[in-house]
Amino acid sequence: MLALQGAFASHAEMLGEAGATPIEVRTAGELAEADALVMPGGESTTMSMLLDIAELRAPLAGRLADGMPVFGTCAGMILLAVNVLDGRSDQRSLGAIDLDVRRNGYGRQVDSFETDLVVDGLEGTFPGIFIRSPVVERIGPDVEVVAEVEGRPVLCRQGNVLVASFHPELAGDARIHRRFLESAFASDAA
């Protein structure tokens, strides 16, 4: 779990509930020990700068290029997208999933909302918590949309990359984290 800034402690709790033993990643050495990575919500421009300060950007880009499974939520989605339409000029994304996103696309903090999501492959609904969440403006041809809100993608997958514009770590429901782990380690079970 990327532990530079943001909601990594809440993700650790959900990963634990889902059966994983999360480690906090703040250095290239810790990243090298990780089998998969969760990139939490937080402030995407701050996280982008901290990746550079911690000298994690290049090692992370390399691991992603090599197929390391990653789950990015909110700011994590922004950092993993190909294009950030309204990012700062010094903000760089990792280009791990073929999406164009707009930061805070659902509005400011006061515009936060919750809604029940229908998630492909999950029984029942999942509580979607949207706090200053990005909006997906474009999806690439190889991106699978796993959940939508009012016709807009909010949970997407491409290969080993899963991203959510909402905060599943705050829902008290570990099903999406469990699904990420099952997908990330499916070849280990075979």
N, C-alpha and C. Protein backbone atom coordinates (compact mmCIF):
# COMPACT_ATOMS: atom_id res chain seq x y z
N MET A 1 0.82 -1.15 0.00
CA MET A 1 0.00 0.00 0.00
C MET A 1 0.88 1.23 0.00
N LEU A 2 0.66 2.11 -0.99
CA LEU A 2 1.41 3.36 -1.06
C LEU A 2 1.02 4.21 0.13
N ALA A 3 1.99 4.54 0.97
CA ALA A 3 1.70 5.21 2.25
C ALA A 3 2.39 6.57 2.34
N LEU A 4 2.36 7.33 1.25
CA LEU A 4 2.96 8.65 1.26
C LEU A 4 2.00 9.71 1.77
N GLN A 5 0.72 9.54 1.50
CA GLN A 5 -0.30 10.51 1.87
C GLN A 5 -1.65 9.88 1.56
N GLY A 6 -2.69 10.31 2.21
CA GLY A 6 -4.03 9.84 1.88
C GLY A 6 -4.54 8.76 2.81
N ALA A 7 -5.57 8.06 2.35
CA ALA A 7 -6.35 7.14 3.16
C ALA A 7 -5.77 5.73 3.20
N PHE A 8 -4.45 5.61 3.35
CA PHE A 8 -3.86 4.27 3.31
C PHE A 8 -4.22 3.42 4.52
N ALA A 9 -4.44 4.02 5.68
CA ALA A 9 -4.79 3.23 6.87
C ALA A 9 -6.15 2.55 6.70
N SER A 10 -7.10 3.24 6.09
CA SER A 10 -8.42 2.64 5.84
C SER A 10 -8.31 1.49 4.83
N HIS A 11 -7.45 1.66 3.83
CA HIS A 11 -7.23 0.57 2.88
C HIS A 11 -6.58 -0.63 3.58
N ALA A 12 -5.65 -0.38 4.48
CA ALA A 12 -4.99 -1.47 5.21
C ALA A 12 -6.02 -2.29 5.97
N GLU A 13 -6.97 -1.61 6.58
CA GLU A 13 -8.02 -2.30 7.33
C GLU A 13 -8.86 -3.20 6.40
N MET A 14 -9.25 -2.66 5.25
CA MET A 14 -10.05 -3.44 4.30
C MET A 14 -9.25 -4.60 3.71
N LEU A 15 -7.97 -4.38 3.42
CA LEU A 15 -7.12 -5.46 2.91
C LEU A 15 -6.96 -6.56 3.94
N GLY A 16 -6.81 -6.17 5.20
CA GLY A 16 -6.75 -7.16 6.28
C GLY A 16 -8.02 -7.98 6.36
N GLU A 17 -9.17 -7.29 6.25
CA GLU A 17 -10.46 -7.99 6.26
C GLU A 17 -10.58 -8.94 5.08
N ALA A 18 -9.95 -8.57 3.97
CA ALA A 18 -10.01 -9.40 2.76
C ALA A 18 -8.98 -10.53 2.77
N GLY A 19 -8.17 -10.60 3.83
CA GLY A 19 -7.25 -11.72 3.97
C GLY A 19 -5.80 -11.44 3.63
N ALA A 20 -5.46 -10.18 3.34
CA ALA A 20 -4.08 -9.84 3.00
C ALA A 20 -3.34 -9.31 4.22
N THR A 21 -2.02 -9.29 4.10
CA THR A 21 -1.17 -8.67 5.11
C THR A 21 -0.51 -7.46 4.46
N PRO A 22 -1.12 -6.29 4.61
CA PRO A 22 -0.60 -5.11 3.91
C PRO A 22 0.71 -4.61 4.53
N ILE A 23 1.57 -4.08 3.64
CA ILE A 23 2.78 -3.40 4.10
C ILE A 23 2.71 -1.97 3.57
N GLU A 24 3.27 -1.05 4.32
CA GLU A 24 3.29 0.34 3.90
C GLU A 24 4.52 0.58 3.03
N VAL A 25 4.29 1.18 1.86
CA VAL A 25 5.35 1.44 0.90
C VAL A 25 5.66 2.93 0.88
N ARG A 26 6.89 3.25 1.26
CA ARG A 26 7.36 4.64 1.23
C ARG A 26 8.71 4.77 0.52
N THR A 27 9.35 3.64 0.24
CA THR A 27 10.68 3.65 -0.38
C THR A 27 10.71 2.67 -1.54
N ALA A 28 11.72 2.81 -2.39
CA ALA A 28 11.88 1.88 -3.51
C ALA A 28 12.13 0.47 -3.01
N GLY A 29 12.84 0.32 -1.91
CA GLY A 29 13.09 -1.00 -1.34
C GLY A 29 11.80 -1.67 -0.89
N GLU A 30 10.92 -0.90 -0.24
CA GLU A 30 9.63 -1.46 0.18
C GLU A 30 8.77 -1.80 -1.02
N LEU A 31 8.83 -0.97 -2.06
CA LEU A 31 8.08 -1.25 -3.29
C LEU A 31 8.56 -2.56 -3.91
N ALA A 32 9.85 -2.79 -3.88
CA ALA A 32 10.42 -4.01 -4.46
C ALA A 32 9.90 -5.27 -3.75
N GLU A 33 9.53 -5.14 -2.48
CA GLU A 33 9.01 -6.28 -1.71
C GLU A 33 7.52 -6.52 -1.92
N ALA A 34 6.82 -5.56 -2.52
CA ALA A 34 5.36 -5.66 -2.68
C ALA A 34 5.00 -6.55 -3.86
N ASP A 35 3.98 -7.38 -3.66
CA ASP A 35 3.47 -8.23 -4.74
C ASP A 35 2.39 -7.53 -5.55
N ALA A 36 1.71 -6.58 -4.92
CA ALA A 36 0.66 -5.78 -5.54
C ALA A 36 0.63 -4.47 -4.77
N LEU A 37 -0.07 -3.47 -5.29
CA LEU A 37 -0.05 -2.16 -4.66
C LEU A 37 -1.44 -1.54 -4.68
N VAL A 38 -1.79 -0.89 -3.58
CA VAL A 38 -2.98 -0.04 -3.52
C VAL A 38 -2.50 1.39 -3.45
N MET A 39 -3.04 2.23 -4.33
CA MET A 39 -2.74 3.66 -4.33
C MET A 39 -4.00 4.37 -3.85
N PRO A 40 -3.96 4.95 -2.64
CA PRO A 40 -5.17 5.45 -2.00
C PRO A 40 -5.63 6.80 -2.54
N GLY A 41 -6.82 7.17 -2.06
CA GLY A 41 -7.30 8.53 -2.27
C GLY A 41 -6.49 9.47 -1.39
N GLY A 42 -6.55 10.72 -1.71
CA GLY A 42 -5.81 11.76 -1.01
C GLY A 42 -5.79 12.97 -1.91
N GLU A 43 -4.69 13.67 -1.95
CA GLU A 43 -4.56 14.85 -2.79
C GLU A 43 -3.58 14.50 -3.91
N SER A 44 -4.08 14.42 -5.14
CA SER A 44 -3.29 13.87 -6.24
C SER A 44 -2.04 14.69 -6.56
N THR A 45 -2.12 16.01 -6.48
CA THR A 45 -0.91 16.80 -6.78
C THR A 45 0.14 16.60 -5.70
N THR A 46 -0.28 16.51 -4.46
CA THR A 46 0.65 16.25 -3.36
C THR A 46 1.27 14.87 -3.51
N MET A 47 0.44 13.87 -3.82
CA MET A 47 0.96 12.51 -3.99
C MET A 47 1.94 12.45 -5.16
N SER A 48 1.66 13.18 -6.22
CA SER A 48 2.56 13.21 -7.37
C SER A 48 3.92 13.78 -6.96
N MET A 49 3.90 14.88 -6.21
CA MET A 49 5.16 15.48 -5.75
C MET A 49 5.90 14.54 -4.80
N LEU A 50 5.15 13.87 -3.91
CA LEU A 50 5.79 12.96 -2.96
C LEU A 50 6.40 11.74 -3.65
N LEU A 51 5.81 11.29 -4.75
CA LEU A 51 6.43 10.20 -5.51
C LEU A 51 7.82 10.62 -5.99
N ASP A 52 7.95 11.88 -6.42
CA ASP A 52 9.25 12.38 -6.87
C ASP A 52 10.21 12.57 -5.70
N ILE A 53 9.73 13.16 -4.62
CA ILE A 53 10.59 13.40 -3.44
C ILE A 53 11.13 12.08 -2.89
N ALA A 54 10.26 11.06 -2.83
CA ALA A 54 10.66 9.75 -2.31
C ALA A 54 11.41 8.91 -3.34
N GLU A 55 11.60 9.46 -4.53
CA GLU A 55 12.27 8.76 -5.63
C GLU A 55 11.59 7.42 -5.94
N LEU A 56 10.25 7.48 -5.94
CA LEU A 56 9.45 6.28 -6.21
C LEU A 56 8.85 6.26 -7.61
N ARG A 57 8.83 7.40 -8.29
CA ARG A 57 8.13 7.44 -9.58
C ARG A 57 8.72 6.44 -10.58
N ALA A 58 10.01 6.46 -10.81
CA ALA A 58 10.62 5.56 -11.79
C ALA A 58 10.49 4.10 -11.38
N PRO A 59 10.78 3.73 -10.12
CA PRO A 59 10.59 2.33 -9.75
C PRO A 59 9.13 1.88 -9.86
N LEU A 60 8.20 2.76 -9.51
CA LEU A 60 6.78 2.41 -9.62
C LEU A 60 6.38 2.26 -11.07
N ALA A 61 6.81 3.17 -11.92
CA ALA A 61 6.50 3.06 -13.35
C ALA A 61 7.06 1.76 -13.92
N GLY A 62 8.25 1.38 -13.48
CA GLY A 62 8.85 0.13 -13.93
C GLY A 62 8.06 -1.08 -13.49
N ARG A 63 7.64 -1.10 -12.23
CA ARG A 63 6.85 -2.22 -11.72
C ARG A 63 5.51 -2.32 -12.44
N LEU A 64 4.89 -1.16 -12.69
CA LEU A 64 3.61 -1.16 -13.41
C LEU A 64 3.80 -1.69 -14.84
N ALA A 65 4.87 -1.25 -15.50
CA ALA A 65 5.16 -1.72 -16.85
C ALA A 65 5.41 -3.22 -16.89
N ASP A 66 5.94 -3.76 -15.79
CA ASP A 66 6.19 -5.20 -15.68
C ASP A 66 4.95 -5.99 -15.29
N GLY A 67 3.82 -5.29 -15.07
CA GLY A 67 2.56 -5.98 -14.79
C GLY A 67 2.17 -6.12 -13.34
N MET A 68 2.82 -5.39 -12.44
CA MET A 68 2.43 -5.48 -11.03
C MET A 68 0.96 -5.07 -10.88
N PRO A 69 0.13 -5.87 -10.22
CA PRO A 69 -1.26 -5.50 -9.99
C PRO A 69 -1.35 -4.24 -9.11
N VAL A 70 -2.25 -3.33 -9.47
CA VAL A 70 -2.42 -2.10 -8.71
C VAL A 70 -3.90 -1.73 -8.67
N PHE A 71 -4.30 -1.20 -7.53
CA PHE A 71 -5.67 -0.73 -7.31
C PHE A 71 -5.57 0.71 -6.86
N GLY A 72 -6.06 1.64 -7.68
CA GLY A 72 -6.01 3.06 -7.35
C GLY A 72 -7.40 3.61 -7.11
N THR A 73 -7.57 4.30 -5.99
CA THR A 73 -8.86 4.90 -5.67
C THR A 73 -8.72 6.41 -5.62
N CYS A 74 -9.66 7.10 -6.22
CA CYS A 74 -9.76 8.56 -6.23
C CYS A 74 -8.44 9.18 -6.72
N ALA A 75 -7.60 9.69 -5.83
CA ALA A 75 -6.31 10.25 -6.26
C ALA A 75 -5.45 9.18 -6.92
N GLY A 76 -5.56 7.94 -6.46
CA GLY A 76 -4.83 6.85 -7.10
C GLY A 76 -5.27 6.65 -8.54
N MET A 77 -6.57 6.80 -8.80
CA MET A 77 -7.08 6.72 -10.17
C MET A 77 -6.47 7.83 -11.02
N ILE A 78 -6.42 9.03 -10.47
CA ILE A 78 -5.86 10.17 -11.19
C ILE A 78 -4.40 9.89 -11.55
N LEU A 79 -3.64 9.39 -10.59
CA LEU A 79 -2.22 9.14 -10.82
C LEU A 79 -1.98 8.00 -11.82
N LEU A 80 -2.91 7.08 -11.93
CA LEU A 80 -2.74 5.93 -12.83
C LEU A 80 -3.27 6.18 -14.24
N ALA A 81 -4.09 7.21 -14.41
CA ALA A 81 -4.69 7.51 -15.72
C ALA A 81 -3.65 7.95 -16.74
N VAL A 82 -4.00 7.82 -18.01
CA VAL A 82 -3.13 8.29 -19.09
C VAL A 82 -3.11 9.82 -19.11
N ASN A 83 -4.28 10.45 -18.97
CA ASN A 83 -4.37 11.92 -19.03
C ASN A 83 -5.18 12.47 -17.86
N VAL A 84 -4.67 13.54 -17.27
CA VAL A 84 -5.39 14.30 -16.26
C VAL A 84 -5.73 15.62 -16.93
N LEU A 85 -7.01 15.83 -17.21
CA LEU A 85 -7.42 16.95 -18.05
C LEU A 85 -7.26 18.31 -17.40
N ASP A 86 -7.31 18.35 -16.09
CA ASP A 86 -7.23 19.64 -15.41
C ASP A 86 -6.16 19.64 -14.31
N GLY A 87 -5.14 18.84 -14.49
CA GLY A 87 -4.07 18.76 -13.50
C GLY A 87 -3.15 19.97 -13.57
N ARG A 88 -2.35 20.14 -12.55
CA ARG A 88 -1.35 21.19 -12.56
C ARG A 88 -0.30 20.88 -13.62
N SER A 89 0.38 21.89 -14.07
CA SER A 89 1.38 21.70 -15.14
C SER A 89 2.53 20.80 -14.69
N ASP A 90 2.80 20.76 -13.39
CA ASP A 90 3.90 19.92 -12.89
C ASP A 90 3.42 18.55 -12.42
N GLN A 91 2.14 18.27 -12.55
CA GLN A 91 1.58 16.99 -12.13
C GLN A 91 1.73 15.98 -13.27
N ARG A 92 2.33 14.84 -12.95
CA ARG A 92 2.52 13.80 -13.96
C ARG A 92 1.81 12.53 -13.53
N SER A 93 1.09 11.95 -14.46
CA SER A 93 0.44 10.68 -14.15
C SER A 93 1.31 9.54 -14.67
N LEU A 94 0.96 8.32 -14.27
CA LEU A 94 1.77 7.15 -14.60
C LEU A 94 1.32 6.45 -15.88
N GLY A 95 0.16 6.79 -16.40
CA GLY A 95 -0.29 6.22 -17.67
C GLY A 95 -0.50 4.72 -17.66
N ALA A 96 -0.97 4.16 -16.54
CA ALA A 96 -1.12 2.71 -16.42
C ALA A 96 -2.47 2.20 -16.90
N ILE A 97 -3.46 3.10 -17.05
CA ILE A 97 -4.78 2.71 -17.53
C ILE A 97 -5.25 3.76 -18.51
N ASP A 98 -5.81 3.31 -19.63
CA ASP A 98 -6.16 4.19 -20.74
C ASP A 98 -7.45 4.96 -20.45
N LEU A 99 -7.33 5.93 -19.56
CA LEU A 99 -8.44 6.80 -19.17
C LEU A 99 -7.99 8.24 -19.21
N ASP A 100 -8.92 9.14 -19.52
CA ASP A 100 -8.75 10.57 -19.29
C ASP A 100 -9.68 10.91 -18.13
N VAL A 101 -9.15 11.57 -17.11
CA VAL A 101 -9.95 11.91 -15.94
C VAL A 101 -9.87 13.41 -15.66
N ARG A 102 -10.90 13.89 -14.99
CA ARG A 102 -10.96 15.28 -14.54
C ARG A 102 -11.01 15.26 -13.02
N ARG A 103 -10.02 15.91 -12.39
CA ARG A 103 -9.96 15.98 -10.93
C ARG A 103 -11.21 16.68 -10.38
N ASN A 104 -11.66 16.23 -9.22
CA ASN A 104 -12.82 16.84 -8.54
C ASN A 104 -14.01 17.01 -9.48
N GLY A 105 -14.15 16.10 -10.43
CA GLY A 105 -15.19 16.21 -11.44
C GLY A 105 -16.60 16.15 -10.89
N TYR A 106 -16.78 15.52 -9.74
CA TYR A 106 -18.11 15.47 -9.13
C TYR A 106 -18.35 16.67 -8.22
N GLY A 107 -17.39 17.57 -8.14
CA GLY A 107 -17.58 18.78 -7.35
C GLY A 107 -16.65 18.86 -6.15
N ARG A 108 -16.86 19.89 -5.38
CA ARG A 108 -16.04 20.16 -4.20
C ARG A 108 -16.48 19.29 -3.03
N GLN A 109 -15.84 19.47 -1.90
CA GLN A 109 -16.14 18.70 -0.68
C GLN A 109 -17.64 18.74 -0.35
N VAL A 110 -18.27 19.91 -0.47
CA VAL A 110 -19.69 20.04 -0.12
C VAL A 110 -20.59 19.27 -1.08
N ASP A 111 -20.06 18.86 -2.23
CA ASP A 111 -20.83 18.11 -3.21
C ASP A 111 -20.67 16.60 -3.04
N SER A 112 -20.00 16.17 -1.99
CA SER A 112 -19.80 14.74 -1.73
C SER A 112 -21.15 14.04 -1.62
N PHE A 113 -21.17 12.77 -2.02
CA PHE A 113 -22.42 12.02 -1.95
C PHE A 113 -22.14 10.53 -1.83
N GLU A 114 -23.17 9.78 -1.46
CA GLU A 114 -23.12 8.33 -1.40
C GLU A 114 -24.24 7.78 -2.28
N THR A 115 -23.97 6.66 -2.93
CA THR A 115 -24.98 6.01 -3.75
C THR A 115 -24.69 4.52 -3.80
N ASP A 116 -25.73 3.74 -3.99
CA ASP A 116 -25.56 2.29 -4.13
C ASP A 116 -25.12 1.99 -5.56
N LEU A 117 -24.02 1.26 -5.69
CA LEU A 117 -23.46 0.92 -6.99
C LEU A 117 -23.77 -0.53 -7.33
N VAL A 118 -24.10 -0.76 -8.58
CA VAL A 118 -24.20 -2.12 -9.12
C VAL A 118 -22.84 -2.41 -9.74
N VAL A 119 -22.13 -3.37 -9.16
CA VAL A 119 -20.77 -3.71 -9.60
C VAL A 119 -20.81 -5.07 -10.27
N ASP A 120 -20.36 -5.12 -11.53
CA ASP A 120 -20.33 -6.39 -12.25
C ASP A 120 -19.61 -7.45 -11.41
N GLY A 121 -20.26 -8.59 -11.23
CA GLY A 121 -19.65 -9.70 -10.52
C GLY A 121 -19.85 -9.69 -9.01
N LEU A 122 -20.46 -8.62 -8.46
CA LEU A 122 -20.74 -8.60 -7.02
C LEU A 122 -22.24 -8.76 -6.80
N GLU A 123 -22.59 -9.55 -5.82
CA GLU A 123 -23.99 -9.72 -5.47
C GLU A 123 -24.47 -8.51 -4.69
N GLY A 124 -25.68 -8.06 -4.96
CA GLY A 124 -26.23 -6.90 -4.27
C GLY A 124 -25.54 -5.62 -4.74
N THR A 125 -25.70 -4.57 -3.96
CA THR A 125 -25.07 -3.30 -4.31
C THR A 125 -23.88 -3.04 -3.41
N PHE A 126 -23.06 -2.08 -3.80
CA PHE A 126 -21.89 -1.68 -3.04
C PHE A 126 -22.03 -0.20 -2.71
N PRO A 127 -21.74 0.19 -1.44
CA PRO A 127 -21.87 1.60 -1.07
C PRO A 127 -20.75 2.46 -1.68
N GLY A 128 -21.13 3.29 -2.65
CA GLY A 128 -20.16 4.18 -3.29
C GLY A 128 -20.10 5.51 -2.55
N ILE A 129 -18.93 5.85 -2.07
CA ILE A 129 -18.72 7.10 -1.33
C ILE A 129 -17.84 8.00 -2.20
N PHE A 130 -18.40 9.12 -2.63
CA PHE A 130 -17.74 10.03 -3.56
C PHE A 130 -17.39 11.33 -2.84
N ILE A 131 -16.08 11.58 -2.68
CA ILE A 131 -15.58 12.77 -1.99
C ILE A 131 -14.56 13.43 -2.91
N ARG A 132 -14.91 14.58 -3.49
CA ARG A 132 -14.02 15.28 -4.42
C ARG A 132 -13.46 14.31 -5.46
N SER A 133 -14.31 13.48 -5.97
CA SER A 133 -13.90 12.36 -6.83
C SER A 133 -13.68 12.79 -8.27
N PRO A 134 -12.75 12.09 -8.96
CA PRO A 134 -12.54 12.37 -10.38
C PRO A 134 -13.67 11.80 -11.23
N VAL A 135 -13.87 12.43 -12.37
CA VAL A 135 -14.82 11.95 -13.37
C VAL A 135 -14.02 11.41 -14.54
N VAL A 136 -14.42 10.24 -15.04
CA VAL A 136 -13.81 9.66 -16.23
C VAL A 136 -14.44 10.32 -17.45
N GLU A 137 -13.62 10.98 -18.26
CA GLU A 137 -14.10 11.67 -19.46
C GLU A 137 -13.93 10.83 -20.72
N ARG A 138 -12.97 9.89 -20.70
CA ARG A 138 -12.73 9.04 -21.87
C ARG A 138 -12.19 7.71 -21.40
N ILE A 139 -12.68 6.63 -22.01
CA ILE A 139 -12.13 5.30 -21.73
C ILE A 139 -11.54 4.74 -23.02
N GLY A 140 -10.40 4.08 -22.89
CA GLY A 140 -9.76 3.44 -24.03
C GLY A 140 -10.46 2.15 -24.39
N PRO A 141 -10.17 1.63 -25.58
CA PRO A 141 -10.86 0.43 -26.07
C PRO A 141 -10.60 -0.83 -25.26
N ASP A 142 -9.50 -0.89 -24.51
CA ASP A 142 -9.19 -2.09 -23.73
C ASP A 142 -9.60 -1.98 -22.26
N VAL A 143 -10.29 -0.90 -21.91
CA VAL A 143 -10.72 -0.68 -20.53
C VAL A 143 -12.12 -1.26 -20.34
N GLU A 144 -12.26 -2.06 -19.30
CA GLU A 144 -13.56 -2.63 -18.93
C GLU A 144 -14.20 -1.75 -17.87
N VAL A 145 -15.43 -1.32 -18.10
CA VAL A 145 -16.18 -0.56 -17.11
C VAL A 145 -16.90 -1.57 -16.21
N VAL A 146 -16.61 -1.52 -14.91
CA VAL A 146 -17.14 -2.49 -13.95
C VAL A 146 -18.33 -1.93 -13.18
N ALA A 147 -18.40 -0.61 -13.04
CA ALA A 147 -19.54 0.05 -12.39
C ALA A 147 -19.66 1.47 -12.93
N GLU A 148 -20.90 1.97 -12.92
CA GLU A 148 -21.19 3.32 -13.42
C GLU A 148 -22.12 4.04 -12.46
N VAL A 149 -22.09 5.37 -12.55
CA VAL A 149 -23.08 6.23 -11.89
C VAL A 149 -23.61 7.16 -12.97
N GLU A 150 -24.90 7.06 -13.20
CA GLU A 150 -25.56 7.91 -14.21
C GLU A 150 -24.83 7.87 -15.55
N GLY A 151 -24.43 6.66 -15.96
CA GLY A 151 -23.78 6.47 -17.25
C GLY A 151 -22.30 6.81 -17.30
N ARG A 152 -21.73 7.23 -16.18
CA ARG A 152 -20.29 7.56 -16.12
C ARG A 152 -19.54 6.42 -15.43
N PRO A 153 -18.43 5.97 -16.02
CA PRO A 153 -17.63 4.92 -15.39
C PRO A 153 -17.06 5.38 -14.04
N VAL A 154 -17.18 4.54 -13.02
CA VAL A 154 -16.61 4.86 -11.70
C VAL A 154 -15.71 3.75 -11.16
N LEU A 155 -15.75 2.58 -11.78
CA LEU A 155 -14.88 1.46 -11.43
C LEU A 155 -14.48 0.81 -12.75
N CYS A 156 -13.16 0.82 -13.03
CA CYS A 156 -12.66 0.35 -14.32
C CYS A 156 -11.46 -0.55 -14.13
N ARG A 157 -11.26 -1.43 -15.12
CA ARG A 157 -10.13 -2.34 -15.09
C ARG A 157 -9.50 -2.43 -16.48
N GLN A 158 -8.19 -2.50 -16.49
CA GLN A 158 -7.45 -2.80 -17.71
C GLN A 158 -6.27 -3.66 -17.30
N GLY A 159 -6.30 -4.92 -17.70
CA GLY A 159 -5.23 -5.84 -17.30
C GLY A 159 -5.15 -5.96 -15.79
N ASN A 160 -3.97 -5.69 -15.24
CA ASN A 160 -3.75 -5.78 -13.79
C ASN A 160 -4.05 -4.49 -13.04
N VAL A 161 -4.66 -3.53 -13.72
CA VAL A 161 -4.94 -2.23 -13.11
C VAL A 161 -6.44 -2.10 -12.86
N LEU A 162 -6.80 -1.82 -11.61
CA LEU A 162 -8.17 -1.56 -11.21
C LEU A 162 -8.22 -0.16 -10.61
N VAL A 163 -9.18 0.66 -11.02
CA VAL A 163 -9.30 2.01 -10.47
C VAL A 163 -10.74 2.32 -10.12
N ALA A 164 -10.91 3.12 -9.07
CA ALA A 164 -12.23 3.57 -8.62
C ALA A 164 -12.20 5.06 -8.40
N SER A 165 -13.23 5.75 -8.86
CA SER A 165 -13.29 7.18 -8.58
C SER A 165 -13.88 7.45 -7.20
N PHE A 166 -14.42 6.43 -6.57
CA PHE A 166 -15.00 6.55 -5.23
C PHE A 166 -14.05 5.96 -4.19
N HIS A 167 -14.51 5.89 -2.95
CA HIS A 167 -13.67 5.45 -1.82
C HIS A 167 -14.20 4.14 -1.22
N PRO A 168 -13.87 2.99 -1.80
CA PRO A 168 -14.36 1.73 -1.24
C PRO A 168 -13.77 1.43 0.14
N GLU A 169 -12.65 2.03 0.47
CA GLU A 169 -12.02 1.80 1.77
C GLU A 169 -12.83 2.39 2.91
N LEU A 170 -13.76 3.31 2.61
CA LEU A 170 -14.57 3.94 3.65
C LEU A 170 -15.94 3.30 3.80
N ALA A 171 -16.24 2.30 2.98
CA ALA A 171 -17.58 1.73 2.93
C ALA A 171 -17.84 0.67 3.99
N GLY A 172 -16.80 0.19 4.69
CA GLY A 172 -17.01 -0.89 5.65
C GLY A 172 -17.36 -2.20 4.96
N ASP A 173 -16.98 -2.34 3.71
CA ASP A 173 -17.31 -3.49 2.89
C ASP A 173 -16.05 -3.86 2.10
N ALA A 174 -15.49 -5.03 2.37
CA ALA A 174 -14.20 -5.42 1.77
C ALA A 174 -14.32 -6.15 0.45
N ARG A 175 -15.52 -6.21 -0.14
CA ARG A 175 -15.70 -7.03 -1.35
C ARG A 175 -14.87 -6.56 -2.54
N ILE A 176 -14.73 -5.27 -2.75
CA ILE A 176 -13.93 -4.82 -3.90
C ILE A 176 -12.45 -5.07 -3.63
N HIS A 177 -11.99 -4.87 -2.41
CA HIS A 177 -10.60 -5.20 -2.06
C HIS A 177 -10.35 -6.69 -2.24
N ARG A 178 -11.30 -7.52 -1.81
CA ARG A 178 -11.17 -8.97 -1.96
C ARG A 178 -11.10 -9.33 -3.44
N ARG A 179 -11.94 -8.70 -4.23
CA ARG A 179 -11.94 -8.96 -5.67
C ARG A 179 -10.59 -8.58 -6.29
N PHE A 180 -10.04 -7.44 -5.87
CA PHE A 180 -8.72 -7.04 -6.37
C PHE A 180 -7.68 -8.09 -6.02
N LEU A 181 -7.68 -8.54 -4.77
CA LEU A 181 -6.70 -9.54 -4.35
C LEU A 181 -6.87 -10.85 -5.11
N GLU A 182 -8.10 -11.28 -5.29
CA GLU A 182 -8.35 -12.52 -6.03
C GLU A 182 -7.84 -12.41 -7.45
N SER A 183 -8.07 -11.28 -8.08
CA SER A 183 -7.60 -11.07 -9.44
C SER A 183 -6.06 -10.97 -9.49
N ALA A 184 -5.50 -10.24 -8.53
CA ALA A 184 -4.04 -10.02 -8.50
C ALA A 184 -3.27 -11.33 -8.30
N PHE A 185 -3.85 -12.24 -7.53
CA PHE A 185 -3.13 -13.46 -7.18
C PHE A 185 -3.76 -14.71 -7.77
N ALA A 186 -4.58 -14.55 -8.80
CA ALA A 186 -5.26 -15.69 -9.43
C ALA A 186 -4.24 -16.69 -9.98
N SER A 187 -3.14 -16.22 -10.57
CA SER A 187 -2.16 -17.15 -11.13
C SER A 187 -1.39 -17.89 -10.05
N ASP A 188 -1.31 -17.28 -8.83
CA ASP A 188 -0.62 -17.96 -7.73
C ASP A 188 -1.38 -19.21 -7.26
N ALA A 189 -2.72 -19.15 -7.38
CA ALA A 189 -3.54 -20.27 -6.93
C ALA A 189 -3.55 -21.41 -7.93
N ALA A 190 -3.22 -21.12 -9.17
CA ALA A 190 -3.28 -22.15 -10.22
C ALA A 190 -2.13 -23.11 -10.14
